[in-house]
Amino acid sequence: MTLQTGFDYEPIIELTSQVDVDNLHRVFIRLILETSPGHRIRLYSNRMSAAVGRYELIFNTSNQTDSDIVEKDTQVMDAIINETESINDGLCEQKTILPIMVRNLYFGFLFIENIDFSIEQFQQVSAYSAIYANQLNLLRTNNHDPLTGLLNRQTFNGAIEKLILKSSNNRRHRDNNDSSPHHYYAMLDIDNFKRLNDKFGHLIGDEVLLSLAQLMQQSFREDDLLFRYGGEEFAVLLKNIDEPTVYQVLERFCKKVADNFFPQVGHVTISIGCCQIDPNLLVTTIIERADKALYFAKSNGKNQVCNYDVLVAENKITETVDSQNDIELF
């Protein structure tokens, strides 16, 4: 095979070498800006491929406010995904709109305003978009649970380590008495799931898992990270939230699940254990703390939320000490 002389392969190599979604977004945006200097760019990412109305605006150089422009762009994206025959011309005027898609799965959209593209520029942007979509699809396959579409266990450690680093950096810039919001880790477990599986079968059990994942997507914020941790266990990383609010959010979700009717099964409950993400602790210790709170919740009635720090303060469980405090340096 011979390489075409004069062709710049570096952007292709850079896009296809990305193994982190955030870095992939950044590289793609930079390449589009270099290809389309002076144009207003917006990039949307779907939290769930092909899911209408789950768009996250991850880059915007437009003059309009995010809320105003997202509402208008969402109408266009919904119409494209639903293959609506007519779209309001005013919403599409002087724009190039490129779906980020692979095999009819929509991963997002690229909007470019004030178009005066040459054919070469359009071809280059289209090529970058196709490569970007393929790489997103590969990362999604590797990073997401195939049943629920949530992030999988393999991506969890990297995600929580990023939050720990972020918390550590924030702590350096604030005094010890600062009560700014923190990050929290919550572990969710479906109550009596084995009994449910035995009674209704694994196919119905999978439907319950999928329905719970959809409830999670509807209930938590766009910035929160949702995982299928394994089996009937799920995890949530809640960003920038204080202790009273995190309890309210989790308690409200616990009630929402209990009130929900699951087809062929009826009502299902969950138990939740949570803890603050302390940047001074190892990931394993943070996980163990949430797991300890979850175990307490399941052992004391189920269908409830238990906060590790509250349980320790009330002497209901013993504190989990980070083993890194005992490490000696030579």
Protein backbone atom coordinates (compact mmCIF):
# COMPACT_ATOMS: atom_id res chain seq x y z
CA MET A 1 0.00 0.00 0.00
CA THR A 2 1.33 3.46 -0.92
CA LEU A 3 0.46 6.65 0.92
CA GLN A 4 -0.83 9.60 -1.06
CA THR A 5 1.91 12.22 -1.29
CA GLY A 6 1.07 15.70 -0.05
CA PHE A 7 -1.82 14.45 2.10
CA ASP A 8 -1.75 15.40 5.79
CA TYR A 9 -2.38 12.22 7.76
CA GLU A 10 -1.60 13.76 11.16
CA PRO A 11 -5.20 14.83 11.98
CA ILE A 12 -6.49 11.33 11.18
CA ILE A 13 -3.79 9.73 13.31
CA GLU A 14 -4.52 12.16 16.15
CA LEU A 15 -8.28 11.50 16.08
CA THR A 16 -7.99 7.72 15.92
CA SER A 17 -5.37 7.57 18.68
CA GLN A 18 -7.67 9.07 21.32
CA VAL A 19 -8.80 6.66 24.04
CA ASP A 20 -10.58 9.24 26.24
CA VAL A 21 -13.87 10.76 25.09
CA ASP A 22 -13.14 14.23 26.52
CA ASN A 23 -9.79 14.38 24.75
CA LEU A 24 -11.42 13.16 21.53
CA HIS A 25 -13.95 16.02 21.76
CA ARG A 26 -11.12 18.53 22.23
CA VAL A 27 -9.08 17.26 19.29
CA PHE A 28 -12.11 17.24 16.99
CA ILE A 29 -13.15 20.78 17.98
CA ARG A 30 -9.61 22.06 17.41
CA LEU A 31 -9.49 20.51 13.93
CA ILE A 32 -12.88 21.98 12.99
CA LEU A 33 -11.81 25.44 14.20
CA GLU A 34 -8.60 25.19 12.19
CA THR A 35 -10.58 24.15 9.11
CA SER A 36 -13.31 26.78 9.60
CA PRO A 37 -11.61 29.88 11.02
CA GLY A 38 -14.01 32.69 11.89
CA HIS A 39 -17.14 30.54 11.84
CA ARG A 40 -19.40 30.03 14.84
CA ILE A 41 -19.28 26.41 15.93
CA ARG A 42 -21.50 24.33 18.21
CA LEU A 43 -20.93 20.68 19.04
CA TYR A 44 -23.54 18.50 20.75
CA SER A 45 -23.03 15.07 22.23
CA ASN A 46 -25.83 12.61 22.91
CA ARG A 47 -25.57 10.97 26.31
CA MET A 48 -27.36 8.01 24.76
CA SER A 49 -26.88 7.31 21.07
CA ALA A 50 -30.08 7.77 19.04
CA ALA A 51 -31.89 9.13 22.13
CA VAL A 52 -33.98 12.20 21.34
CA GLY A 53 -33.68 15.12 23.75
CA ARG A 54 -30.52 14.04 25.61
CA TYR A 55 -28.19 16.55 23.99
CA GLU A 56 -25.26 18.04 25.83
CA LEU A 57 -23.79 21.22 24.38
CA ILE A 58 -20.06 20.63 24.82
CA PHE A 59 -18.71 23.50 22.72
CA ASN A 60 -20.21 26.83 21.68
CA THR A 61 -18.70 29.91 20.05
CA SER A 62 -22.09 31.49 19.25
CA ASN A 63 -23.11 34.82 20.74
CA GLN A 64 -26.46 33.52 22.01
CA THR A 65 -26.87 32.09 25.48
CA ASP A 66 -26.67 28.32 25.80
CA SER A 67 -30.28 27.87 26.96
CA ASP A 68 -31.74 29.87 24.07
CA ILE A 69 -29.70 28.19 21.39
CA VAL A 70 -30.06 24.65 22.75
CA GLU A 71 -33.85 24.89 22.59
CA LYS A 72 -33.75 25.88 18.90
CA ASP A 73 -31.05 23.40 17.95
CA THR A 74 -32.89 20.59 19.74
CA GLN A 75 -35.90 21.12 17.48
CA VAL A 76 -33.66 20.65 14.46
CA MET A 77 -31.87 17.59 15.89
CA ASP A 78 -35.14 15.93 16.88
CA ALA A 79 -36.56 16.57 13.42
CA ILE A 80 -33.49 15.02 11.76
CA ILE A 81 -33.48 11.95 14.02
CA ASN A 82 -37.24 11.48 13.57
CA GLU A 83 -36.91 12.06 9.82
CA THR A 84 -39.49 14.82 9.91
CA GLU A 85 -40.39 15.88 6.38
CA SER A 86 -40.26 19.61 7.03
CA ILE A 87 -38.11 21.69 9.34
CA ASN A 88 -38.63 25.39 10.08
CA ASP A 89 -36.39 27.16 7.56
CA GLY A 90 -35.54 29.85 10.09
CA LEU A 91 -33.90 27.28 12.36
CA CYS A 92 -31.61 26.03 9.60
CA GLU A 93 -30.87 29.28 7.75
CA GLN A 94 -27.18 29.95 7.07
CA LYS A 95 -26.09 26.81 8.89
CA THR A 96 -24.36 23.60 7.97
CA ILE A 97 -25.61 20.80 10.23
CA LEU A 98 -23.66 17.55 10.25
CA PRO A 99 -25.03 14.56 12.21
CA ILE A 100 -22.32 12.66 14.08
CA MET A 101 -23.55 9.17 13.36
CA VAL A 102 -22.57 5.57 12.65
CA ARG A 103 -25.02 3.04 11.19
CA ASN A 104 -28.07 5.21 12.02
CA LEU A 105 -26.92 5.74 15.62
CA TYR A 106 -26.71 9.44 16.47
CA PHE A 107 -23.83 10.42 18.75
CA GLY A 108 -24.28 14.15 18.33
CA PHE A 109 -24.44 17.05 15.89
CA LEU A 110 -22.07 19.70 14.57
CA PHE A 111 -23.52 23.14 13.75
CA ILE A 112 -21.48 25.63 11.73
CA GLU A 113 -22.94 29.12 11.14
CA ASN A 114 -22.25 31.83 8.54
CA ILE A 115 -21.34 29.36 5.83
CA ASP A 116 -19.07 30.40 3.00
CA PHE A 117 -17.29 27.08 2.74
CA SER A 118 -15.34 25.98 -0.25
CA ILE A 119 -15.98 22.46 -1.47
CA GLU A 120 -12.58 21.44 -0.10
CA GLN A 121 -13.39 22.82 3.36
CA PHE A 122 -16.74 21.05 3.45
CA GLN A 123 -15.16 17.76 2.40
CA GLN A 124 -12.49 18.13 5.08
CA VAL A 125 -15.02 18.89 7.84
CA SER A 126 -17.19 15.98 6.69
CA ALA A 127 -14.19 13.63 6.74
CA TYR A 128 -13.16 14.73 10.25
CA SER A 129 -16.77 14.28 11.41
CA ALA A 130 -16.94 10.74 10.03
CA ILE A 131 -13.64 9.75 11.67
CA TYR A 132 -14.73 11.40 14.93
CA ALA A 133 -18.04 9.48 14.84
CA ASN A 134 -16.28 6.16 14.24
CA GLN A 135 -13.88 6.78 17.12
CA LEU A 136 -16.78 7.76 19.40
CA ASN A 137 -18.53 4.54 18.44
CA LEU A 138 -15.43 2.49 19.30
CA LEU A 139 -15.01 4.23 22.65
CA ARG A 140 -18.70 3.85 23.40
CA THR A 141 -18.50 0.12 22.69
CA ASN A 142 -15.53 -0.17 25.05
CA ASN A 143 -16.83 2.18 27.76
CA HIS A 144 -20.56 1.43 27.94
CA ASP A 145 -22.62 -1.48 29.16
CA PRO A 146 -24.28 -3.11 26.12
CA LEU A 147 -27.58 -3.79 27.92
CA THR A 148 -28.27 -0.46 29.64
CA GLY A 149 -26.09 1.97 27.69
CA LEU A 150 -24.66 3.32 30.96
CA LEU A 151 -20.93 3.60 31.52
CA ASN A 152 -19.40 0.28 32.51
CA ARG A 153 -17.25 -0.89 35.41
CA GLN A 154 -14.05 -0.55 33.40
CA THR A 155 -14.49 3.23 33.05
CA PHE A 156 -15.42 3.79 36.69
CA ASN A 157 -11.92 3.95 38.19
CA GLY A 158 -10.68 6.47 35.65
CA ALA A 159 -13.75 8.66 36.19
CA ILE A 160 -13.50 8.69 39.99
CA GLU A 161 -9.74 9.31 39.82
CA LYS A 162 -10.44 12.40 37.70
CA LEU A 163 -12.89 13.66 40.32
CA ILE A 164 -10.38 13.01 43.10
CA LEU A 165 -7.74 15.00 41.21
CA LYS A 166 -10.24 17.80 40.62
CA SER A 167 -11.20 17.86 44.30
CA SER A 168 -7.55 17.91 45.31
CA ASN A 169 -6.83 20.86 43.02
CA ASN A 170 -9.89 22.75 44.28
CA ARG A 171 -8.87 22.16 47.88
CA ARG A 172 -5.51 23.84 47.29
CA HIS A 173 -7.32 27.01 46.27
CA ARG A 174 -9.69 27.28 49.21
CA ASP A 175 -9.29 27.49 52.96
CA ASN A 176 -10.16 24.67 55.34
CA ASN A 177 -13.38 26.35 56.46
CA ASP A 178 -14.74 26.64 52.92
CA SER A 179 -18.06 24.77 52.64
CA SER A 180 -18.11 24.63 48.84
CA PRO A 181 -19.91 21.64 47.31
CA HIS A 182 -18.06 18.36 47.06
CA HIS A 183 -18.36 15.26 44.90
CA TYR A 184 -20.21 12.16 46.10
CA TYR A 185 -20.20 8.50 45.18
CA ALA A 186 -23.42 6.50 45.46
CA MET A 187 -23.85 2.76 45.02
CA LEU A 188 -27.34 1.44 44.14
CA ASP A 189 -28.50 -2.15 44.43
CA ILE A 190 -31.85 -3.67 43.41
CA ASP A 191 -33.47 -5.31 46.41
CA ASN A 192 -34.22 -9.05 46.15
CA PHE A 193 -33.04 -9.17 42.53
CA LYS A 194 -32.03 -12.84 42.70
CA ARG A 195 -35.54 -13.75 43.83
CA LEU A 196 -36.95 -11.67 40.96
CA ASN A 197 -34.70 -13.44 38.45
CA ASP A 198 -35.62 -16.87 39.78
CA LYS A 199 -39.33 -16.10 39.62
CA PHE A 200 -39.60 -14.27 36.28
CA GLY A 201 -36.48 -15.37 34.42
CA HIS A 202 -33.37 -13.55 33.21
CA LEU A 203 -35.05 -11.85 30.24
CA ILE A 204 -37.51 -10.08 32.53
CA GLY A 205 -34.63 -9.38 34.92
CA ASP A 206 -32.78 -7.67 32.06
CA GLU A 207 -35.89 -5.57 31.35
CA VAL A 208 -35.87 -4.40 34.98
CA LEU A 209 -32.17 -3.47 34.70
CA LEU A 210 -32.85 -1.52 31.50
CA SER A 211 -35.87 0.26 33.00
CA LEU A 212 -33.86 1.24 36.08
CA ALA A 213 -31.09 2.62 33.87
CA GLN A 214 -33.65 4.71 31.99
CA LEU A 215 -35.04 6.06 35.27
CA MET A 216 -31.50 7.03 36.26
CA GLN A 217 -31.00 8.90 32.98
CA GLN A 218 -34.25 10.78 33.54
CA SER A 219 -33.54 11.63 37.18
CA PHE A 220 -29.92 12.71 37.54
CA ARG A 221 -28.23 15.82 36.20
CA GLU A 222 -26.41 16.00 32.88
CA ASP A 223 -23.05 16.32 34.68
CA ASP A 224 -23.55 13.30 36.91
CA LEU A 225 -21.92 10.07 35.72
CA LEU A 226 -24.03 6.91 35.67
CA PHE A 227 -22.58 3.39 35.69
CA ARG A 228 -23.74 -0.18 35.64
CA TYR A 229 -21.28 -1.44 38.19
CA GLY A 230 -22.08 -5.12 37.72
CA GLY A 231 -25.09 -7.44 37.96
CA GLU A 232 -27.85 -5.54 39.73
CA GLU A 233 -25.47 -2.91 41.12
CA PHE A 234 -25.30 0.61 39.72
CA ALA A 235 -23.15 3.60 40.63
CA VAL A 236 -23.49 7.37 40.39
CA LEU A 237 -20.80 10.04 40.65
CA LEU A 238 -22.54 13.25 41.71
CA LYS A 239 -20.51 16.37 41.06
CA ASN A 240 -20.46 19.64 43.00
CA ILE A 241 -23.19 18.91 45.50
CA ASP A 242 -23.54 19.40 49.26
CA GLU A 243 -24.51 16.74 51.79
CA PRO A 244 -28.16 17.77 52.40
CA THR A 245 -28.81 18.01 48.66
CA VAL A 246 -27.18 14.70 47.79
CA TYR A 247 -29.41 12.98 50.34
CA GLN A 248 -32.52 14.68 48.92
CA VAL A 249 -31.59 13.70 45.36
CA LEU A 250 -30.92 10.07 46.25
CA GLU A 251 -33.97 9.81 48.51
CA ARG A 252 -36.17 11.23 45.75
CA PHE A 253 -34.77 8.71 43.26
CA CYS A 254 -35.26 5.83 45.70
CA LYS A 255 -38.92 6.81 46.04
CA LYS A 256 -39.29 7.24 42.27
CA VAL A 257 -38.12 3.68 41.71
CA ALA A 258 -40.42 2.32 44.42
CA ASP A 259 -43.41 4.15 42.89
CA ASN A 260 -42.59 3.01 39.35
CA PHE A 261 -44.51 0.06 37.86
CA PHE A 262 -42.20 -2.39 36.10
CA PRO A 263 -44.06 -4.39 33.40
CA GLN A 264 -44.70 -8.05 34.30
CA VAL A 265 -42.97 -7.56 37.66
CA GLY A 266 -44.81 -4.83 39.48
CA HIS A 267 -42.99 -2.72 42.04
CA VAL A 268 -39.25 -2.96 42.70
CA THR A 269 -37.18 -1.19 45.34
CA ILE A 270 -33.52 -0.25 45.61
CA SER A 271 -31.11 0.43 48.45
CA ILE A 272 -28.45 3.15 48.20
CA GLY A 273 -25.19 3.76 50.06
CA CYS A 274 -23.19 6.95 49.51
CA CYS A 275 -20.13 8.78 50.73
CA GLN A 276 -18.21 11.96 50.03
CA ILE A 277 -15.28 11.64 47.63
CA ASP A 278 -12.35 12.62 49.83
CA PRO A 279 -9.27 13.47 47.69
CA ASN A 280 -7.01 12.23 50.50
CA LEU A 281 -8.34 8.67 50.22
CA LEU A 282 -7.62 5.82 47.87
CA VAL A 283 -10.30 4.85 45.36
CA THR A 284 -10.62 1.45 47.04
CA THR A 285 -11.34 3.12 50.38
CA ILE A 286 -14.03 5.37 48.88
CA ILE A 287 -15.69 2.37 47.25
CA GLU A 288 -15.51 0.42 50.51
CA ARG A 289 -17.17 3.27 52.41
CA ALA A 290 -20.13 3.49 50.03
CA ASP A 291 -20.39 -0.30 50.01
CA LYS A 292 -20.46 -0.30 53.81
CA ALA A 293 -23.33 2.20 53.80
CA LEU A 294 -25.15 0.13 51.17
CA TYR A 295 -24.75 -3.03 53.23
CA PHE A 296 -26.21 -1.22 56.26
CA ALA A 297 -29.18 -0.04 54.16
CA LYS A 298 -29.90 -3.55 52.92
CA SER A 299 -29.45 -5.11 56.35
CA ASN A 300 -31.77 -2.65 58.04
CA GLY A 301 -34.96 -2.66 56.01
CA LYS A 302 -33.85 -1.98 52.40
CA ASN A 303 -35.56 0.61 50.18
CA GLN A 304 -33.62 3.46 51.77
CA VAL A 305 -30.58 5.75 51.43
CA CYS A 306 -27.70 5.59 53.92
CA ASN A 307 -24.82 8.05 54.06
CA TYR A 308 -21.53 6.58 55.30
CA ASP A 309 -20.44 9.76 57.10
CA VAL A 310 -23.77 10.04 58.93
CA LEU A 311 -23.65 6.38 59.96
CA VAL A 312 -20.12 6.82 61.37
CA ALA A 313 -21.13 9.99 63.24
CA GLU A 314 -24.07 8.11 64.77
CA ASN A 315 -21.79 5.17 65.73
CA LYS A 316 -23.85 2.76 63.63
CA ILE A 317 -20.80 1.57 61.68
CA THR A 318 -17.05 1.77 62.25
CA GLU A 319 -14.89 4.10 60.20
CA THR A 320 -13.01 2.65 57.23
CA VAL A 321 -9.42 3.88 57.51
CA ASP A 322 -7.34 4.43 54.39
CA SER A 323 -4.37 2.08 54.39
CA GLN A 324 -2.24 4.67 52.59
CA ASN A 325 -1.85 6.49 55.92
CA ASP A 326 0.24 3.56 57.13
CA ILE A 327 2.64 3.49 54.17
CA GLU A 328 6.25 4.15 55.12
CA LEU A 329 8.56 5.92 52.67
CA PHE A 330 12.19 4.78 52.45
